[in-house]
PDB file of N, CA and C in Angstrom:
ATOM      1  N   MET A   1      26.235  62.804  69.640  1.00  0.00           N
ATOM      2  CA  MET A   1      26.660  62.946  71.107  1.00  0.00           C
ATOM      3  C   MET A   1      25.373  62.226  71.931  1.00  0.00           C
ATOM      4  N   SER A   2      25.971  61.217  72.667  1.00  0.00           N
ATOM      5  CA  SER A   2      25.009  60.590  73.505  1.00  0.00           C
ATOM      6  C   SER A   2      24.682  61.162  74.993  1.00  0.00           C
ATOM      7  N   LEU A   3      23.660  60.809  75.444  1.00  0.00           N
ATOM      8  CA  LEU A   3      23.274  61.363  76.830  1.00  0.00           C
ATOM      9  C   LEU A   3      24.067  60.625  78.022  1.00  0.00           C
ATOM     10  N   ASN A   4      24.394  61.259  78.918  1.00  0.00           N
ATOM     11  CA  ASN A   4      24.984  60.820  80.045  1.00  0.00           C
ATOM     12  C   ASN A   4      24.073  60.640  81.101  1.00  0.00           C
ATOM     13  N   PHE A   5      23.303  59.337  81.156  1.00  0.00           N
ATOM     14  CA  PHE A   5      22.310  59.105  81.993  1.00  0.00           C
ATOM     15  C   PHE A   5      22.654  59.084  83.480  1.00  0.00           C
ATOM     16  N   PHE A   6      23.851  58.785  83.738  1.00  0.00           N
ATOM     17  CA  PHE A   6      24.522  58.963  85.150  1.00  0.00           C
ATOM     18  C   PHE A   6      24.282  60.340  85.939  1.00  0.00           C
ATOM     19  N   ASP A   7      24.352  61.285  85.107  1.00  0.00           N
ATOM     20  CA  ASP A   7      24.129  62.668  85.535  1.00  0.00           C
ATOM     21  C   ASP A   7      22.787  62.777  85.967  1.00  0.00           C
ATOM     22  N   HIS A   8      21.722  62.149  85.575  1.00  0.00           N
ATOM     23  CA  HIS A   8      20.307  62.228  85.766  1.00  0.00           C
ATOM     24  C   HIS A   8      19.643  61.133  86.716  1.00  0.00           C
ATOM     25  N   ARG A   9      20.515  60.524  87.483  1.00  0.00           N
ATOM     26  CA  ARG A   9      20.165  59.262  88.053  1.00  0.00           C
ATOM     27  C   ARG A   9      18.865  59.477  89.068  1.00  0.00           C
ATOM     28  N   GLU A  10      18.764  60.599  89.734  1.00  0.00           N
ATOM     29  CA  GLU A  10      17.623  60.691  90.506  1.00  0.00           C
ATOM     30  C   GLU A  10      16.232  60.847  89.848  1.00  0.00           C
ATOM     31  N   THR A  11      16.289  61.656  88.614  1.00  0.00           N
ATOM     32  CA  THR A  11      15.016  61.850  87.748  1.00  0.00           C
ATOM     33  C   THR A  11      14.760  60.425  87.116  1.00  0.00           C
ATOM     34  N   ILE A  12      15.881  59.706  86.623  1.00  0.00           N
ATOM     35  CA  ILE A  12      15.620  58.410  86.217  1.00  0.00           C
ATOM     36  C   ILE A  12      15.026  57.311  87.116  1.00  0.00           C
ATOM     37  N   THR A  13      15.623  57.403  88.445  1.00  0.00           N
ATOM     38  CA  THR A  13      14.852  56.556  89.516  1.00  0.00           C
ATOM     39  C   THR A  13      13.361  56.708  89.471  1.00  0.00           C
ATOM     40  N   LYS A  14      13.038  57.988  89.703  1.00  0.00           N
ATOM     41  CA  LYS A  14      11.529  58.340  89.705  1.00  0.00           C
ATOM     42  C   LYS A  14      10.761  57.987  88.628  1.00  0.00           C
ATOM     43  N   ASN A  15      11.335  58.277  87.414  1.00  0.00           N
ATOM     44  CA  ASN A  15      10.767  57.791  86.247  1.00  0.00           C
ATOM     45  C   ASN A  15      10.502  56.458  86.010  1.00  0.00           C
ATOM     46  N   LEU A  16      11.485  55.777  86.248  1.00  0.00           N
ATOM     47  CA  LEU A  16      11.646  54.265  86.084  1.00  0.00           C
ATOM     48  C   LEU A  16      10.611  53.545  87.041  1.00  0.00           C
ATOM     49  N   LEU A  17      10.417  54.146  88.123  1.00  0.00           N
ATOM     50  CA  LEU A  17       9.611  53.519  89.162  1.00  0.00           C
ATOM     51  C   LEU A  17       7.972  53.755  88.787  1.00  0.00           C
ATOM     52  N   THR A  18       7.842  55.136  88.201  1.00  0.00           N
ATOM     53  CA  THR A  18       6.544  55.250  87.555  1.00  0.00           C
ATOM     54  C   THR A  18       6.278  54.415  86.265  1.00  0.00           C
ATOM     55  N   PHE A  19       7.141  54.123  85.630  1.00  0.00           N
ATOM     56  CA  PHE A  19       7.068  53.289  84.328  1.00  0.00           C
ATOM     57  C   PHE A  19       6.669  52.004  84.806  1.00  0.00           C
ATOM     58  N   LEU A  20       7.392  51.642  85.701  1.00  0.00           N
ATOM     59  CA  LEU A  20       6.941  50.006  86.176  1.00  0.00           C
ATOM     60  C   LEU A  20       5.725  49.966  86.616  1.00  0.00           C
ATOM     61  N   ARG A  21       5.225  50.893  87.545  1.00  0.00           N
ATOM     62  CA  ARG A  21       4.005  51.014  88.082  1.00  0.00           C
ATOM     63  C   ARG A  21       2.993  50.942  87.066  1.00  0.00           C
ATOM     64  N   GLU A  22       3.093  52.013  86.007  1.00  0.00           N
ATOM     65  CA  GLU A  22       2.142  52.302  84.870  1.00  0.00           C
ATOM     66  C   GLU A  22       1.985  51.007  84.023  1.00  0.00           C
ATOM     67  N   LYS A  23       3.097  50.406  83.933  1.00  0.00           N
ATOM     68  CA  LYS A  23       3.043  49.085  82.891  1.00  0.00           C
ATOM     69  C   LYS A  23       2.724  47.848  83.618  1.00  0.00           C
ATOM     70  N   GLY A  24       2.687  47.908  84.951  1.00  0.00           N
ATOM     71  CA  GLY A  24       2.535  46.698  85.815  1.00  0.00           C
ATOM     72  C   GLY A  24       3.764  45.558  85.742  1.00  0.00           C
ATOM     73  N   HIS A  25       4.887  46.153  85.823  1.00  0.00           N
ATOM     74  CA  HIS A  25       6.084  45.409  85.963  1.00  0.00           C
ATOM     75  C   HIS A  25       6.573  45.454  87.322  1.00  0.00           C
ATOM     76  N   SER A  26       7.193  44.263  87.724  1.00  0.00           N
ATOM     77  CA  SER A  26       7.882  44.349  88.977  1.00  0.00           C
ATOM     78  C   SER A  26       9.253  44.566  88.523  1.00  0.00           C
ATOM     79  N   LYS A  27      10.143  44.597  89.554  1.00  0.00           N
ATOM     80  CA  LYS A  27      11.695  44.706  89.299  1.00  0.00           C
ATOM     81  C   LYS A  27      12.290  43.438  88.921  1.00  0.00           C
ATOM     82  N   LEU A  28      11.666  42.212  89.082  1.00  0.00           N
ATOM     83  CA  LEU A  28      12.035  40.978  88.752  1.00  0.00           C
ATOM     84  C   LEU A  28      11.567  40.829  87.174  1.00  0.00           C
ATOM     85  N   SER A  29      10.394  41.271  86.908  1.00  0.00           N
ATOM     86  CA  SER A  29       9.916  41.025  85.437  1.00  0.00           C
ATOM     87  C   SER A  29      10.706  42.094  84.437  1.00  0.00           C
ATOM     88  N   LEU A  30      11.043  43.217  85.116  1.00  0.00           N
ATOM     89  CA  LEU A  30      11.981  44.120  84.301  1.00  0.00           C
ATOM     90  C   LEU A  30      13.430  43.543  83.991  1.00  0.00           C
ATOM     91  N   SER A  31      13.858  42.863  85.204  1.00  0.00           N
ATOM     92  CA  SER A  31      15.240  41.984  84.867  1.00  0.00           C
ATOM     93  C   SER A  31      15.008  40.954  83.748  1.00  0.00           C
ATOM     94  N   LYS A  32      13.885  40.203  83.859  1.00  0.00           N
ATOM     95  CA  LYS A  32      13.896  39.163  82.924  1.00  0.00           C
ATOM     96  C   LYS A  32      13.630  39.638  81.476  1.00  0.00           C
ATOM     97  N   LEU A  33      12.902  40.573  81.384  1.00  0.00           N
ATOM     98  CA  LEU A  33      12.711  41.358  79.888  1.00  0.00           C
ATOM     99  C   LEU A  33      13.920  41.888  79.369  1.00  0.00           C
ATOM    100  N   SER A  34      14.745  42.483  80.189  1.00  0.00           N
ATOM    101  CA  SER A  34      15.807  43.540  79.767  1.00  0.00           C
ATOM    102  C   SER A  34      17.144  42.751  79.877  1.00  0.00           C
ATOM    103  N   ASP A  35      16.991  41.441  80.499  1.00  0.00           N
ATOM    104  CA  ASP A  35      18.145  40.731  80.697  1.00  0.00           C
ATOM    105  C   ASP A  35      19.442  41.454  81.459  1.00  0.00           C
ATOM    106  N   ILE A  36      18.851  42.107  82.656  1.00  0.00           N
ATOM    107  CA  ILE A  36      19.679  42.855  83.435  1.00  0.00           C
ATOM    108  C   ILE A  36      19.492  42.027  84.914  1.00  0.00           C
ATOM    109  N   THR A  37      20.533  41.814  85.546  1.00  0.00           N
ATOM    110  CA  THR A  37      20.266  41.206  86.759  1.00  0.00           C
ATOM    111  C   THR A  37      19.407  41.777  87.823  1.00  0.00           C
ATOM    112  N   ARG A  38      18.652  41.214  88.624  1.00  0.00           N
ATOM    113  CA  ARG A  38      17.861  41.815  89.549  1.00  0.00           C
ATOM    114  C   ARG A  38      18.528  42.680  90.606  1.00  0.00           C
ATOM    115  N   PRO A  39      19.787  42.295  91.046  1.00  0.00           N
ATOM    116  CA  PRO A  39      20.540  43.014  91.958  1.00  0.00           C
ATOM    117  C   PRO A  39      20.987  44.391  91.204  1.00  0.00           C
ATOM    118  N   THR A  40      21.252  44.260  89.878  1.00  0.00           N
ATOM    119  CA  THR A  40      21.735  45.659  89.276  1.00  0.00           C
ATOM    120  C   THR A  40      20.374  46.355  88.932  1.00  0.00           C
ATOM    121  N   ILE A  41      19.328  45.975  88.832  1.00  0.00           N
ATOM    122  CA  ILE A  41      18.057  46.810  88.869  1.00  0.00           C
ATOM    123  C   ILE A  41      17.988  47.342  90.192  1.00  0.00           C
ATOM    124  N   ASP A  42      18.210  46.844  91.221  1.00  0.00           N
ATOM    125  CA  ASP A  42      18.091  47.574  92.627  1.00  0.00           C
ATOM    126  C   ASP A  42      19.205  48.542  92.603  1.00  0.00           C
ATOM    127  N   LEU A  43      20.361  48.349  92.114  1.00  0.00           N
ATOM    128  CA  LEU A  43      21.460  49.417  92.034  1.00  0.00           C
ATOM    129  C   LEU A  43      21.032  50.662  91.166  1.00  0.00           C
ATOM    130  N   ILE A  44      20.214  50.335  90.040  1.00  0.00           N
ATOM    131  CA  ILE A  44      19.763  51.435  89.184  1.00  0.00           C
ATOM    132  C   ILE A  44      18.701  52.197  90.013  1.00  0.00           C
ATOM    133  N   ILE A  45      17.888  51.554  90.554  1.00  0.00           N
ATOM    134  CA  ILE A  45      16.742  52.367  91.388  1.00  0.00           C
ATOM    135  C   ILE A  45      17.593  53.069  92.607  1.00  0.00           C
ATOM    136  N   LYS A  46      18.311  52.478  93.193  1.00  0.00           N
ATOM    137  CA  LYS A  46      18.961  53.239  94.195  1.00  0.00           C
ATOM    138  C   LYS A  46      19.953  54.353  93.816  1.00  0.00           C
ATOM    139  N   GLY A  47      20.293  54.228  92.557  1.00  0.00           N
ATOM    140  CA  GLY A  47      21.256  55.267  91.695  1.00  0.00           C
ATOM    141  C   GLY A  47      22.670  55.098  92.605  1.00  0.00           C
ATOM    142  N   GLU A  48      23.014  54.008  93.081  1.00  0.00           N
ATOM    143  CA  GLU A  48      24.193  53.866  93.477  1.00  0.00           C
ATOM    144  C   GLU A  48      25.011  52.478  93.088  1.00  0.00           C
ATOM    145  N   GLY A  49      26.233  52.279  93.260  1.00  0.00           N
ATOM    146  CA  GLY A  49      26.966  50.891  93.098  1.00  0.00           C
ATOM    147  C   GLY A  49      27.467  50.778  91.665  1.00  0.00           C
ATOM    148  N   LEU A  50      27.103  51.526  90.690  1.00  0.00           N
ATOM    149  CA  LEU A  50      27.341  51.551  89.243  1.00  0.00           C
ATOM    150  C   LEU A  50      28.221  52.629  88.757  1.00  0.00           C
ATOM    151  N   ASN A  51      29.401  52.298  88.021  1.00  0.00           N
ATOM    152  CA  ASN A  51      29.833  53.539  87.713  1.00  0.00           C
ATOM    153  C   ASN A  51      29.197  54.133  86.373  1.00  0.00           C
ATOM    154  N   SER A  52      29.505  55.269  85.914  1.00  0.00           N
ATOM    155  CA  SER A  52      28.997  55.911  84.961  1.00  0.00           C
ATOM    156  C   SER A  52      28.807  55.121  83.576  1.00  0.00           C
ATOM    157  N   GLU A  53      29.699  54.425  83.195  1.00  0.00           N
ATOM    158  CA  GLU A  53      29.665  53.541  81.959  1.00  0.00           C
ATOM    159  C   GLU A  53      28.623  52.409  82.199  1.00  0.00           C
ATOM    160  N   GLN A  54      28.633  51.840  83.303  1.00  0.00           N
ATOM    161  CA  GLN A  54      27.847  50.672  83.398  1.00  0.00           C
ATOM    162  C   GLN A  54      26.236  51.162  83.509  1.00  0.00           C
ATOM    163  N   TYR A  55      26.190  52.180  84.239  1.00  0.00           N
ATOM    164  CA  TYR A  55      24.886  52.773  84.535  1.00  0.00           C
ATOM    165  C   TYR A  55      24.331  53.220  83.092  1.00  0.00           C
ATOM    166  N   ASN A  56      25.181  53.949  82.276  1.00  0.00           N
ATOM    167  CA  ASN A  56      24.564  54.286  80.888  1.00  0.00           C
ATOM    168  C   ASN A  56      24.232  53.100  80.132  1.00  0.00           C
ATOM    169  N   LYS A  57      25.017  52.139  80.133  1.00  0.00           N
ATOM    170  CA  LYS A  57      24.656  50.892  79.501  1.00  0.00           C
ATOM    171  C   LYS A  57      23.372  50.198  79.888  1.00  0.00           C
ATOM    172  N   GLN A  58      23.110  50.027  81.126  1.00  0.00           N
ATOM    173  CA  GLN A  58      21.984  49.388  81.422  1.00  0.00           C
ATOM    174  C   GLN A  58      20.679  50.254  81.166  1.00  0.00           C
ATOM    175  N   ILE A  59      20.677  51.555  81.272  1.00  0.00           N
ATOM    176  CA  ILE A  59      19.434  52.420  80.951  1.00  0.00           C
ATOM    177  C   ILE A  59      19.331  52.398  79.536  1.00  0.00           C
ATOM    178  N   GLN A  60      20.397  52.370  78.683  1.00  0.00           N
ATOM    179  CA  GLN A  60      20.121  52.251  77.163  1.00  0.00           C
ATOM    180  C   GLN A  60      19.615  50.762  76.927  1.00  0.00           C
ATOM    181  N   LYS A  61      20.039  49.598  77.708  1.00  0.00           N
ATOM    182  CA  LYS A  61      19.415  48.468  77.541  1.00  0.00           C
ATOM    183  C   LYS A  61      17.798  48.391  77.811  1.00  0.00           C
ATOM    184  N   ILE A  62      17.435  49.107  78.937  1.00  0.00           N
ATOM    185  CA  ILE A  62      16.012  49.129  79.212  1.00  0.00           C
ATOM    186  C   ILE A  62      15.400  49.846  78.110  1.00  0.00           C
ATOM    187  N   ASN A  63      15.907  51.095  77.599  1.00  0.00           N
ATOM    188  CA  ASN A  63      15.311  51.793  76.626  1.00  0.00           C
ATOM    189  C   ASN A  63      15.076  50.835  75.242  1.00  0.00           C
ATOM    190  N   LYS A  64      15.989  50.263  75.011  1.00  0.00           N
ATOM    191  CA  LYS A  64      15.946  49.175  73.864  1.00  0.00           C
ATOM    192  C   LYS A  64      15.005  48.138  73.929  1.00  0.00           C
ATOM    193  N   THR A  65      14.915  47.700  75.103  1.00  0.00           N
ATOM    194  CA  THR A  65      13.980  46.538  75.550  1.00  0.00           C
ATOM    195  C   THR A  65      12.371  46.939  75.222  1.00  0.00           C
ATOM    196  N   PHE A  66      12.124  48.220  75.722  1.00  0.00           N
ATOM    197  CA  PHE A  66      10.729  48.739  75.516  1.00  0.00           C
ATOM    198  C   PHE A  66      10.579  49.603  74.481  1.00  0.00           C
ATOM    199  N   ASP A  67      11.519  49.669  73.378  1.00  0.00           N
ATOM    200  CA  ASP A  67      11.689  50.588  72.340  1.00  0.00           C
ATOM    201  C   ASP A  67      11.064  52.089  72.747  1.00  0.00           C
ATOM    202  N   LEU A  68      11.983  52.604  73.699  1.00  0.00           N
ATOM    203  CA  LEU A  68      11.600  54.026  74.202  1.00  0.00           C
ATOM    204  C   LEU A  68      12.608  55.021  73.690  1.00  0.00           C
ATOM    205  N   PRO A  69      12.166  56.168  73.378  1.00  0.00           N
ATOM    206  CA  PRO A  69      13.131  57.024  73.101  1.00  0.00           C
ATOM    207  C   PRO A  69      14.467  57.226  73.931  1.00  0.00           C
ATOM    208  N   VAL A  70      15.570  57.822  73.389  1.00  0.00           N
ATOM    209  CA  VAL A  70      16.595  57.864  74.380  1.00  0.00           C
ATOM    210  C   VAL A  70      16.479  58.684  75.529  1.00  0.00           C
ATOM    211  N   ASN A  71      15.738  59.855  75.598  1.00  0.00           N
ATOM    212  CA  ASN A  71      15.602  60.765  76.651  1.00  0.00           C
ATOM    213  C   ASN A  71      14.354  60.280  77.443  1.00  0.00           C
ATOM    214  N   TYR A  72      13.753  59.156  77.345  1.00  0.00           N
ATOM    215  CA  TYR A  72      12.533  58.820  77.929  1.00  0.00           C
ATOM    216  C   TYR A  72      12.531  58.932  79.564  1.00  0.00           C
ATOM    217  N   PHE A  73      13.532  58.467  80.000  1.00  0.00           N
ATOM    218  CA  PHE A  73      13.553  58.623  81.427  1.00  0.00           C
ATOM    219  C   PHE A  73      14.056  59.739  82.127  1.00  0.00           C
ATOM    220  N   ILE A  74      14.531  60.727  81.217  1.00  0.00           N
ATOM    221  CA  ILE A  74      15.062  61.858  81.659  1.00  0.00           C
ATOM    222  C   ILE A  74      14.011  62.996  81.669  1.00  0.00           C
ATOM    223  N   THR A  75      13.040  62.815  80.681  1.00  0.00           N
ATOM    224  CA  THR A  75      11.944  63.820  80.677  1.00  0.00           C
ATOM    225  C   THR A  75      10.962  63.617  81.768  1.00  0.00           C
ATOM    226  N   PRO A  76      10.169  64.381  82.187  1.00  0.00           N
ATOM    227  CA  PRO A  76       9.190  64.156  83.438  1.00  0.00           C
ATOM    228  C   PRO A  76       8.159  63.267  82.927  1.00  0.00           C
ATOM    229  N   LEU A  77       7.730  62.244  83.619  1.00  0.00           N
ATOM    230  CA  LEU A  77       6.736  61.344  83.348  1.00  0.00           C
ATOM    231  C   LEU A  77       5.479  61.768  84.432  1.00  0.00           C
ATOM    232  N   ILE A  78       4.419  61.630  83.853  1.00  0.00           N
ATOM    233  CA  ILE A  78       3.273  61.951  84.735  1.00  0.00           C
ATOM    234  C   ILE A  78       2.808  60.572  85.253  1.00  0.00           C
ATOM    235  N   SER A  79       2.756  60.647  86.564  1.00  0.00           N
ATOM    236  CA  SER A  79       2.273  59.380  87.371  1.00  0.00           C
ATOM    237  C   SER A  79       0.871  59.392  87.594  1.00  0.00           C
ATOM    238  N   ILE A  80       0.385  58.242  87.449  1.00  0.00           N
ATOM    239  CA  ILE A  80      -1.124  57.979  87.645  1.00  0.00           C
ATOM    240  C   ILE A  80      -1.495  57.896  89.126  1.00  0.00           C
ATOM    241  N   THR A  81      -0.324  57.523  90.042  1.00  0.00           N
ATOM    242  CA  THR A  81      -0.570  57.207  91.205  1.00  0.00           C
ATOM    243  C   THR A  81      -0.751  58.396  92.032  1.00  0.00           C
ATOM    244  N   PRO A  82      -1.990  58.592  92.833  1.00  0.00           N
ATOM    245  CA  PRO A  82      -2.242  59.852  93.520  1.00  0.00           C
ATOM    246  C   PRO A  82      -1.481  59.999  94.544  1.00  0.00           C
ATOM    247  N   THR A  83      -0.963  61.348  94.999  1.00  0.00           N
ATOM    248  CA  THR A  83      -0.231  61.586  96.063  1.00  0.00           C
ATOM    249  C   THR A  83      -1.002  61.799  97.365  1.00  0.00           C
ATOM    250  N   LYS A  84      -2.213  61.872  97.227  1.00  0.00           N
ATOM    251  CA  LYS A  84      -3.173  62.057  98.480  1.00  0.00           C
ATOM    252  C   LYS A  84      -4.314  61.060  98.113  1.00  0.00           C
ATOM    253  N   CYS A  85      -4.795  60.621  99.255  1.00  0.00           N
ATOM    254  CA  CYS A  85      -6.031  59.663  99.246  1.00  0.00           C
ATOM    255  C   CYS A  85      -7.139  60.503 100.021  1.00  0.00           C
ATOM    256  N   THR A  86      -8.419  60.315  99.337  1.00  0.00           N
ATOM    257  CA  THR A  86      -9.437  60.912 100.015  1.00  0.00           C
ATOM    258  C   THR A  86     -10.480  59.852 100.413  1.00  0.00           C
ATOM    259  N   TYR A  87     -10.924  60.031 101.574  1.00  0.00           N
ATOM    260  CA  TYR A  87     -11.894  59.098 102.169  1.00  0.00           C
ATOM    261  C   TYR A  87     -13.201  59.544 102.303  1.00  0.00           C
ATOM    262  N   SER A  88     -14.100  58.665 102.613  1.00  0.00           N
ATOM    263  CA  SER A  88     -15.616  59.095 102.559  1.00  0.00           C
ATOM    264  C   SER A  88     -15.828  60.221 103.403  1.00  0.00           C
ATOM    265  N   ASP A  89     -15.100  60.323 104.512  1.00  0.00           N
ATOM    266  CA  ASP A  89     -15.116  61.460 105.501  1.00  0.00           C
ATOM    267  C   ASP A  89     -14.418  62.867 105.109  1.00  0.00           C
ATOM    268  N   HIS A  90     -13.781  62.784 103.682  1.00  0.00           N
ATOM    269  CA  HIS A  90     -13.165  63.737 103.031  1.00  0.00           C
ATOM    270  C   HIS A  90     -12.049  64.437 103.729  1.00  0.00           C
ATOM    271  N   VAL A  91     -11.252  63.395 104.544  1.00  0.00           N
ATOM    272  CA  VAL A  91      -9.999  63.796 104.969  1.00  0.00           C
ATOM    273  C   VAL A  91      -8.792  63.274 104.087  1.00  0.00           C
ATOM    274  N   ALA A  92      -8.056  64.138 103.772  1.00  0.00           N
ATOM    275  CA  ALA A  92      -6.859  63.948 102.892  1.00  0.00           C
ATOM    276  C   ALA A  92      -5.800  63.299 103.663  1.00  0.00           C
ATOM    277  N   VAL A  93      -5.092  62.237 103.326  1.00  0.00           N
ATOM    278  CA  VAL A  93      -4.055  61.716 103.943  1.00  0.00           C
ATOM    279  C   VAL A  93      -2.891  61.796 103.013  1.00  0.00           C
ATOM    280  N   SER A  94      -1.735  62.362 103.203  1.00  0.00           N
ATOM    281  CA  SER A  94      -0.594  62.564 102.354  1.00  0.00           C
ATOM    282  C   SER A  94       0.514  61.338 102.437  1.00  0.00           C
ATOM    283  N   GLU A  95       0.519  60.646 103.556  1.00  0.00           N
ATOM    284  CA  GLU A  95       1.651  59.733 103.645  1.00  0.00           C
ATOM    285  C   GLU A  95       0.943  58.468 104.319  1.00  0.00           C
ATOM    286  N   ARG A  96       1.567  57.359 103.912  1.00  0.00           N
ATOM    287  CA  ARG A  96       1.065  56.040 104.549  1.00  0.00           C
ATOM    288  C   ARG A  96       1.749  55.731 105.792  1.00  0.00           C
ATOM    289  N   SER A  97       1.122  55.055 106.619  1.00  0.00           N
ATOM    290  CA  SER A  97       1.585  54.453 107.986  1.00  0.00           C
ATOM    291  C   SER A  97       2.659  53.707 107.714  1.00  0.00           C
ATOM    292  N   SER A  98       3.429  53.452 108.672  1.00  0.00           N
ATOM    293  CA  SER A  98       4.680  52.506 108.389  1.00  0.00           C
ATOM    294  C   SER A  98       4.262  51.078 108.435  1.00  0.00           C
ATOM    295  N   GLU A  99       2.938  50.925 109.130  1.00  0.00           N
ATOM    296  CA  GLU A  99       2.263  49.510 108.912  1.00  0.00           C
ATOM    297  C   GLU A  99       1.915  49.203 107.487  1.00  0.00           C
ATOM    298  N   VAL A 100       1.167  50.382 106.971  1.00  0.00           N
ATOM    299  CA  VAL A 100       0.716  50.194 105.651  1.00  0.00           C
ATOM    300  C   VAL A 100       1.902  49.853 104.603  1.00  0.00           C
ATOM    301  N   LYS A 101       3.040  50.597 104.755  1.00  0.00           N
ATOM    302  CA  LYS A 101       4.267  50.485 103.930  1.00  0.00           C
ATOM    303  C   LYS A 101       4.620  49.119 103.969  1.00  0.00           C
ATOM    304  N   GLU A 102       4.757  48.579 105.387  1.00  0.00           N
ATOM    305  CA  GLU A 102       5.286  47.356 105.488  1.00  0.00           C
ATOM    306  C   GLU A 102       4.368  46.200 104.697  1.00  0.00           C
ATOM    307  N   LEU A 103       3.293  46.322 104.889  1.00  0.00           N
ATOM    308  CA  LEU A 103       2.273  45.388 104.299  1.00  0.00           C
ATOM    309  C   LEU A 103       2.411  45.446 102.824  1.00  0.00           C
ATOM    310  N   LEU A 104       2.550  46.718 102.223  1.00  0.00           N
ATOM    311  CA  LEU A 104       2.701  46.718 100.628  1.00  0.00           C
ATOM    312  C   LEU A 104       3.926  46.216 100.319  1.00  0.00           C
ATOM    313  N   ASP A 105       5.174  46.515 101.297  1.00  0.00           N
ATOM    314  CA  ASP A 105       6.408  45.842 100.641  1.00  0.00           C
ATOM    315  C   ASP A 105       6.349  44.386 100.846  1.00  0.00           C
ATOM    316  N   GLY A 106       5.595  43.808 101.827  1.00  0.00           N
ATOM    317  CA  GLY A 106       5.335  42.366 101.736  1.00  0.00           C
ATOM    318  C   GLY A 106       4.636  41.830 100.501  1.00  0.00           C
ATOM    319  N   LEU A 107       3.526  42.515 100.144  1.00  0.00           N
ATOM    320  CA  LEU A 107       2.756  42.194  99.030  1.00  0.00           C
ATOM    321  C   LEU A 107       3.754  42.126  97.837  1.00  0.00           C
ATOM    322  N   ASN A 108       4.529  43.170  97.640  1.00  0.00           N
ATOM    323  CA  ASN A 108       5.474  43.320  96.493  1.00  0.00           C
ATOM    324  C   ASN A 108       6.409  42.047  96.465  1.00  0.00           C
ATOM    325  N   SER A 109       6.813  41.586  97.389  1.00  0.00           N
ATOM    326  CA  SER A 109       7.644  40.444  97.633  1.00  0.00           C
ATOM    327  C   SER A 109       6.870  39.227  97.121  1.00  0.00           C
ATOM    328  N   VAL A 110       5.727  39.045  97.642  1.00  0.00           N
ATOM    329  CA  VAL A 110       4.883  37.972  97.187  1.00  0.00           C
ATOM    330  C   VAL A 110       4.741  37.904  95.777  1.00  0.00           C
ATOM    331  N   LEU A 111       4.240  39.297  95.308  1.00  0.00           N
ATOM    332  CA  LEU A 111       4.096  39.222  93.740  1.00  0.00           C
ATOM    333  C   LEU A 111       5.387  38.963  92.948  1.00  0.00           C
ATOM    334  N   GLU A 112       6.587  39.319  93.682  1.00  0.00           N
ATOM    335  CA  GLU A 112       7.798  39.019  92.734  1.00  0.00           C
ATOM    336  C   GLU A 112       8.137  37.563  92.837  1.00  0.00           C
ATOM    337  N   ILE A 113       7.766  36.841  93.968  1.00  0.00           N
ATOM    338  CA  ILE A 113       7.937  35.353  93.986  1.00  0.00           C
ATOM    339  C   ILE A 113       6.865  34.596  93.069  1.00  0.00           C
ATOM    340  N   TYR A 114       5.722  35.092  92.799  1.00  0.00           N
ATOM    341  CA  TYR A 114       4.690  34.688  92.060  1.00  0.00           C
ATOM    342  C   TYR A 114       4.939  34.763  90.635  1.00  0.00           C
ATOM    343  N   SER A 115       5.895  35.879  90.265  1.00  0.00           N
ATOM    344  CA  SER A 115       6.154  36.211  89.011  1.00  0.00           C
ATOM    345  C   SER A 115       7.288  35.173  88.487  1.00  0.00           C
ATOM    346  N   LEU A 116       7.994  34.602  89.566  1.00  0.00           N
ATOM    347  CA  LEU A 116       9.029  33.470  89.072  1.00  0.00           C
ATOM    348  C   LEU A 116       8.352  32.288  88.384  1.00  0.00           C
ATOM    349  N   TYR A 117       6.905  32.248  88.640  1.00  0.00           N
ATOM    350  CA  TYR A 117       6.292  30.842  88.107  1.00  0.00           C
ATOM    351  C   TYR A 117       5.571  31.251  86.984  1.00  0.00           C
ATOM    352  N   LEU A 118       5.430  32.456  86.570  1.00  0.00           N
ATOM    353  CA  LEU A 118       4.967  32.801  85.404  1.00  0.00           C
ATOM    354  C   LEU A 118       5.748  32.602  84.082  1.00  0.00           C
ATOM    355  N   LYS A 119       5.224  32.351  83.041  1.00  0.00           N
ATOM    356  CA  LYS A 119       6.054  32.016  81.945  1.00  0.00           C
ATOM    357  C   LYS A 119       6.037  33.210  80.901  1.00  0.00           C
TER     358      LYS A 119
END
């Protein structure tokens, strides 16, 4: 009996994003490595737009690409990304400002464009 990944979309999304961060991959590099289109990668991360059969097929493809166990994205992954930042004045900040989020999104776009030129 195979797993129905479609039933675990929220967990898979979180774990896939953690996996990408930890392995240093962008959505574009994941697309190139797994031979899944970039728009489909976006749909997988959003957890929408694909029917159950398509979704399951794409997750199996990602698992096969990286030689991962079948249940890899269903089991909890430990993120190395801190949820709080501590500064020299010992103030903990739990959320980024909208300006920082916008800048980081822009940086991510630049890195994805740069990855187009990598072989």
